[in-house]
Amino acid sequence: MNEPQMTPEQEALLDEAFKYSQLAEQKARELWEWGEAFAAKWEKRLQDAEVAAKSEVKD
């Protein structure tokens, strides 16, 4: 049984869709990493603020 063959236009569209999916995956990974760095920065600021607040209470 023969499998249906794609036309050259379909192959080109599939290749383009694959490239866009790879780009989207890369951008999603970059966005995730940026979000992780952002969260870490704000977590550090929160911890520093809590330490400062505790120091003020003790003084």
PDB file of N, CA and C in Angstrom:
ATOM      1  N   MET A   1       0.842  -1.177   0.000  1.00  0.00           N
ATOM      2  CA  MET A   1       0.000   0.000   0.000  1.00  0.00           C
ATOM      3  C   MET A   1       0.890   1.243   0.000  1.00  0.00           C
ATOM      4  N   ASN A   2       0.650   2.121  -0.925  1.00  0.00           N
ATOM      5  CA  ASN A   2       1.448   3.339  -1.038  1.00  0.00           C
ATOM      6  C   ASN A   2       0.908   4.423  -0.119  1.00  0.00           C
ATOM      7  N   GLU A   3       1.843   5.108   0.544  1.00  0.00           N
ATOM      8  CA  GLU A   3       1.438   6.238   1.379  1.00  0.00           C
ATOM      9  C   GLU A   3       1.298   7.469   0.497  1.00  0.00           C
ATOM     10  N   PRO A   4       0.376   8.347   0.833  1.00  0.00           N
ATOM     11  CA  PRO A   4       0.224   9.560   0.029  1.00  0.00           C
ATOM     12  C   PRO A   4       1.483  10.425   0.126  1.00  0.00           C
ATOM     13  N   GLN A   5       1.842  11.026  -0.971  1.00  0.00           N
ATOM     14  CA  GLN A   5       3.018  11.890  -1.022  1.00  0.00           C
ATOM     15  C   GLN A   5       2.588  13.350  -0.904  1.00  0.00           C
ATOM     16  N   MET A   6       3.436  14.130  -0.244  1.00  0.00           N
ATOM     17  CA  MET A   6       3.154  15.560  -0.132  1.00  0.00           C
ATOM     18  C   MET A   6       3.628  16.264  -1.400  1.00  0.00           C
ATOM     19  N   THR A   7       2.932  17.319  -1.720  1.00  0.00           N
ATOM     20  CA  THR A   7       3.374  18.145  -2.841  1.00  0.00           C
ATOM     21  C   THR A   7       4.554  18.985  -2.370  1.00  0.00           C
ATOM     22  N   PRO A   8       5.339  19.524  -3.294  1.00  0.00           N
ATOM     23  CA  PRO A   8       6.446  20.399  -2.889  1.00  0.00           C
ATOM     24  C   PRO A   8       5.969  21.593  -2.054  1.00  0.00           C
ATOM     25  N   GLU A   9       4.796  22.108  -2.383  1.00  0.00           N
ATOM     26  CA  GLU A   9       4.256  23.231  -1.618  1.00  0.00           C
ATOM     27  C   GLU A   9       3.946  22.809  -0.185  1.00  0.00           C
ATOM     28  N   GLN A  10       3.387  21.616  -0.028  1.00  0.00           N
ATOM     29  CA  GLN A  10       3.082  21.112   1.310  1.00  0.00           C
ATOM     30  C   GLN A  10       4.362  20.876   2.108  1.00  0.00           C
ATOM     31  N   GLU A  11       5.382  20.338   1.446  1.00  0.00           N
ATOM     32  CA  GLU A  11       6.658  20.121   2.123  1.00  0.00           C
ATOM     33  C   GLU A  11       7.270  21.442   2.569  1.00  0.00           C
ATOM     34  N   ALA A  12       7.189  22.461   1.706  1.00  0.00           N
ATOM     35  CA  ALA A  12       7.729  23.774   2.052  1.00  0.00           C
ATOM     36  C   ALA A  12       6.978  24.364   3.241  1.00  0.00           C
ATOM     37  N   LEU A  13       5.657  24.227   3.245  1.00  0.00           N
ATOM     38  CA  LEU A  13       4.863  24.735   4.365  1.00  0.00           C
ATOM     39  C   LEU A  13       5.178  23.986   5.653  1.00  0.00           C
ATOM     40  N   LEU A  14       5.364  22.679   5.542  1.00  0.00           N
ATOM     41  CA  LEU A  14       5.711  21.881   6.713  1.00  0.00           C
ATOM     42  C   LEU A  14       7.080  22.286   7.259  1.00  0.00           C
ATOM     43  N   ASP A  15       8.042  22.490   6.370  1.00  0.00           N
ATOM     44  CA  ASP A  15       9.372  22.939   6.795  1.00  0.00           C
ATOM     45  C   ASP A  15       9.296  24.296   7.492  1.00  0.00           C
ATOM     46  N   GLU A  16       8.517  25.204   6.925  1.00  0.00           N
ATOM     47  CA  GLU A  16       8.371  26.527   7.523  1.00  0.00           C
ATOM     48  C   GLU A  16       7.690  26.436   8.889  1.00  0.00           C
ATOM     49  N   ALA A  17       6.669  25.611   8.985  1.00  0.00           N
ATOM     50  CA  ALA A  17       5.979  25.433  10.270  1.00  0.00           C
ATOM     51  C   ALA A  17       6.923  24.849  11.310  1.00  0.00           C
ATOM     52  N   PHE A  18       7.760  23.917  10.891  1.00  0.00           N
ATOM     53  CA  PHE A  18       8.727  23.317  11.809  1.00  0.00           C
ATOM     54  C   PHE A  18       9.727  24.361  12.297  1.00  0.00           C
ATOM     55  N   LYS A  19      10.205  25.215  11.394  1.00  0.00           N
ATOM     56  CA  LYS A  19      11.147  26.273  11.788  1.00  0.00           C
ATOM     57  C   LYS A  19      10.500  27.220  12.796  1.00  0.00           C
ATOM     58  N   TYR A  20       9.235  27.579  12.544  1.00  0.00           N
ATOM     59  CA  TYR A  20       8.537  28.465  13.476  1.00  0.00           C
ATOM     60  C   TYR A  20       8.310  27.789  14.822  1.00  0.00           C
ATOM     61  N   SER A  21       8.056  26.501  14.807  1.00  0.00           N
ATOM     62  CA  SER A  21       7.858  25.802  16.081  1.00  0.00           C
ATOM     63  C   SER A  21       9.159  25.753  16.874  1.00  0.00           C
ATOM     64  N   GLN A  22      10.291  25.585  16.187  1.00  0.00           N
ATOM     65  CA  GLN A  22      11.584  25.604  16.871  1.00  0.00           C
ATOM     66  C   GLN A  22      11.864  26.987  17.450  1.00  0.00           C
ATOM     67  N   LEU A  23      11.564  28.022  16.679  1.00  0.00           N
ATOM     68  CA  LEU A  23      11.760  29.387  17.155  1.00  0.00           C
ATOM     69  C   LEU A  23      10.868  29.667  18.361  1.00  0.00           C
ATOM     70  N   ALA A  24       9.623  29.221  18.307  1.00  0.00           N
ATOM     71  CA  ALA A  24       8.705  29.426  19.426  1.00  0.00           C
ATOM     72  C   ALA A  24       9.194  28.697  20.668  1.00  0.00           C
ATOM     73  N   GLU A  25       9.718  27.494  20.495  1.00  0.00           N
ATOM     74  CA  GLU A  25      10.249  26.742  21.628  1.00  0.00           C
ATOM     75  C   GLU A  25      11.446  27.460  22.244  1.00  0.00           C
ATOM     76  N   GLN A  26      12.325  27.995  21.395  1.00  0.00           N
ATOM     77  CA  GLN A  26      13.490  28.732  21.896  1.00  0.00           C
ATOM     78  C   GLN A  26      13.051  29.984  22.651  1.00  0.00           C
ATOM     79  N   LYS A  27      12.102  30.717  22.092  1.00  0.00           N
ATOM     80  CA  LYS A  27      11.623  31.934  22.750  1.00  0.00           C
ATOM     81  C   LYS A  27      10.938  31.602  24.070  1.00  0.00           C
ATOM     82  N   ALA A  28      10.193  30.518  24.112  1.00  0.00           N
ATOM     83  CA  ALA A  28       9.544  30.106  25.360  1.00  0.00           C
ATOM     84  C   ALA A  28      10.589  29.762  26.411  1.00  0.00           C
ATOM     85  N   ARG A  29      11.664  29.098  26.001  1.00  0.00           N
ATOM     86  CA  ARG A  29      12.742  28.751  26.930  1.00  0.00           C
ATOM     87  C   ARG A  29      13.408  30.029  27.460  1.00  0.00           C
ATOM     88  N   GLU A  30      13.668  30.984  26.558  1.00  0.00           N
ATOM     89  CA  GLU A  30      14.269  32.252  26.976  1.00  0.00           C
ATOM     90  C   GLU A  30      13.353  32.998  27.944  1.00  0.00           C
ATOM     91  N   LEU A  31      12.065  32.999  27.653  1.00  0.00           N
ATOM     92  CA  LEU A  31      11.106  33.676  28.526  1.00  0.00           C
ATOM     93  C   LEU A  31      11.054  33.003  29.890  1.00  0.00           C
ATOM     94  N   TRP A  32      11.098  31.677  29.915  1.00  0.00           N
ATOM     95  CA  TRP A  32      11.116  30.931  31.179  1.00  0.00           C
ATOM     96  C   TRP A  32      12.357  31.314  31.982  1.00  0.00           C
ATOM     97  N   GLU A  33      13.526  31.347  31.329  1.00  0.00           N
ATOM     98  CA  GLU A  33      14.766  31.695  32.020  1.00  0.00           C
ATOM     99  C   GLU A  33      14.709  33.128  32.545  1.00  0.00           C
ATOM    100  N   TRP A  34      14.147  34.032  31.750  1.00  0.00           N
ATOM    101  CA  TRP A  34      14.009  35.417  32.196  1.00  0.00           C
ATOM    102  C   TRP A  34      13.095  35.481  33.415  1.00  0.00           C
ATOM    103  N   GLY A  35      12.004  34.743  33.384  1.00  0.00           N
ATOM    104  CA  GLY A  35      11.076  34.716  34.513  1.00  0.00           C
ATOM    105  C   GLY A  35      11.723  34.157  35.765  1.00  0.00           C
ATOM    106  N   GLU A  36      12.531  33.113  35.602  1.00  0.00           N
ATOM    107  CA  GLU A  36      13.239  32.542  36.748  1.00  0.00           C
ATOM    108  C   GLU A  36      14.204  33.569  37.349  1.00  0.00           C
ATOM    109  N   ALA A  37      14.941  34.273  36.499  1.00  0.00           N
ATOM    110  CA  ALA A  37      15.881  35.285  36.984  1.00  0.00           C
ATOM    111  C   ALA A  37      15.134  36.428  37.668  1.00  0.00           C
ATOM    112  N   PHE A  38      14.021  36.838  37.096  1.00  0.00           N
ATOM    113  CA  PHE A  38      13.209  37.902  37.675  1.00  0.00           C
ATOM    114  C   PHE A  38      12.699  37.493  39.055  1.00  0.00           C
ATOM    115  N   ALA A  39      12.190  36.270  39.154  1.00  0.00           N
ATOM    116  CA  ALA A  39      11.678  35.778  40.436  1.00  0.00           C
ATOM    117  C   ALA A  39      12.792  35.685  41.473  1.00  0.00           C
ATOM    118  N   ALA A  40      13.968  35.235  41.061  1.00  0.00           N
ATOM    119  CA  ALA A  40      15.093  35.125  41.993  1.00  0.00           C
ATOM    120  C   ALA A  40      15.508  36.504  42.499  1.00  0.00           C
ATOM    121  N   LYS A  41      15.509  37.484  41.608  1.00  0.00           N
ATOM    122  CA  LYS A  41      15.875  38.844  42.003  1.00  0.00           C
ATOM    123  C   LYS A  41      14.895  39.382  43.045  1.00  0.00           C
ATOM    124  N   TRP A  42      13.600  39.186  42.807  1.00  0.00           N
ATOM    125  CA  TRP A  42      12.605  39.701  43.737  1.00  0.00           C
ATOM    126  C   TRP A  42      12.561  38.901  45.027  1.00  0.00           C
ATOM    127  N   GLU A  43      12.865  37.628  44.966  1.00  0.00           N
ATOM    128  CA  GLU A  43      12.954  36.823  46.187  1.00  0.00           C
ATOM    129  C   GLU A  43      14.091  37.343  47.059  1.00  0.00           C
ATOM    130  N   LYS A  44      15.222  37.677  46.425  1.00  0.00           N
ATOM    131  CA  LYS A  44      16.368  38.229  47.164  1.00  0.00           C
ATOM    132  C   LYS A  44      15.991  39.572  47.786  1.00  0.00           C
ATOM    133  N   ARG A  45      15.312  40.415  47.035  1.00  0.00           N
ATOM    134  CA  ARG A  45      14.888  41.712  47.579  1.00  0.00           C
ATOM    135  C   ARG A  45      13.948  41.529  48.770  1.00  0.00           C
ATOM    136  N   LEU A  46      13.039  40.574  48.666  1.00  0.00           N
ATOM    137  CA  LEU A  46      12.109  40.309  49.756  1.00  0.00           C
ATOM    138  C   LEU A  46      12.856  39.829  50.991  1.00  0.00           C
ATOM    139  N   GLN A  47      13.795  38.914  50.802  1.00  0.00           N
ATOM    140  CA  GLN A  47      14.584  38.420  51.931  1.00  0.00           C
ATOM    141  C   GLN A  47      15.385  39.550  52.573  1.00  0.00           C
ATOM    142  N   ASP A  48      15.992  40.400  51.753  1.00  0.00           N
ATOM    143  CA  ASP A  48      16.753  41.534  52.286  1.00  0.00           C
ATOM    144  C   ASP A  48      15.849  42.481  53.074  1.00  0.00           C
ATOM    145  N   ALA A  49      14.644  42.714  52.569  1.00  0.00           N
ATOM    146  CA  ALA A  49      13.703  43.593  53.260  1.00  0.00           C
ATOM    147  C   ALA A  49      13.260  42.980  54.583  1.00  0.00           C
ATOM    148  N   GLU A  50      13.055  41.665  54.606  1.00  0.00           N
ATOM    149  CA  GLU A  50      12.666  41.002  55.852  1.00  0.00           C
ATOM    150  C   GLU A  50      13.788  41.079  56.881  1.00  0.00           C
ATOM    151  N   VAL A  51      15.025  40.896  56.444  1.00  0.00           N
ATOM    152  CA  VAL A  51      16.173  41.000  57.351  1.00  0.00           C
ATOM    153  C   VAL A  51      16.279  42.423  57.890  1.00  0.00           C
ATOM    154  N   ALA A  52      16.102  43.409  57.020  1.00  0.00           N
ATOM    155  CA  ALA A  52      16.173  44.803  57.449  1.00  0.00           C
ATOM    156  C   ALA A  52      15.056  45.123  58.439  1.00  0.00           C
ATOM    157  N   ALA A  53      13.863  44.610  58.195  1.00  0.00           N
ATOM    158  CA  ALA A  53      12.738  44.864  59.094  1.00  0.00           C
ATOM    159  C   ALA A  53      12.984  44.232  60.458  1.00  0.00           C
ATOM    160  N   LYS A  54      13.541  43.041  60.480  1.00  0.00           N
ATOM    161  CA  LYS A  54      13.849  42.384  61.754  1.00  0.00           C
ATOM    162  C   LYS A  54      14.932  43.144  62.508  1.00  0.00           C
ATOM    163  N   SER A  55      15.898  43.702  61.778  1.00  0.00           N
ATOM    164  CA  SER A  55      16.966  44.479  62.412  1.00  0.00           C
ATOM    165  C   SER A  55      16.405  45.744  63.053  1.00  0.00           C
ATOM    166  N   GLU A  56      15.447  46.386  62.377  1.00  0.00           N
ATOM    167  CA  GLU A  56      14.848  47.602  62.914  1.00  0.00           C
ATOM    168  C   GLU A  56      14.054  47.303  64.177  1.00  0.00           C
ATOM    169  N   VAL A  57      13.380  46.175  64.220  1.00  0.00           N
ATOM    170  CA  VAL A  57      12.580  45.805  65.388  1.00  0.00           C
ATOM    171  C   VAL A  57      13.491  45.564  66.585  1.00  0.00           C
ATOM    172  N   LYS A  58      14.643  44.954  66.369  1.00  0.00           N
ATOM    173  CA  LYS A  58      15.575  44.655  67.454  1.00  0.00           C
ATOM    174  C   LYS A  58      16.240  45.917  67.992  1.00  0.00           C
ATOM    175  N   ASP A  59      16.432  46.915  67.145  1.00  0.00           N
ATOM    176  CA  ASP A  59      17.141  48.140  67.570  1.00  0.00           C
ATOM    177  C   ASP A  59      16.341  48.978  68.484  1.00  0.00           C
TER     178      ASP A  59
END
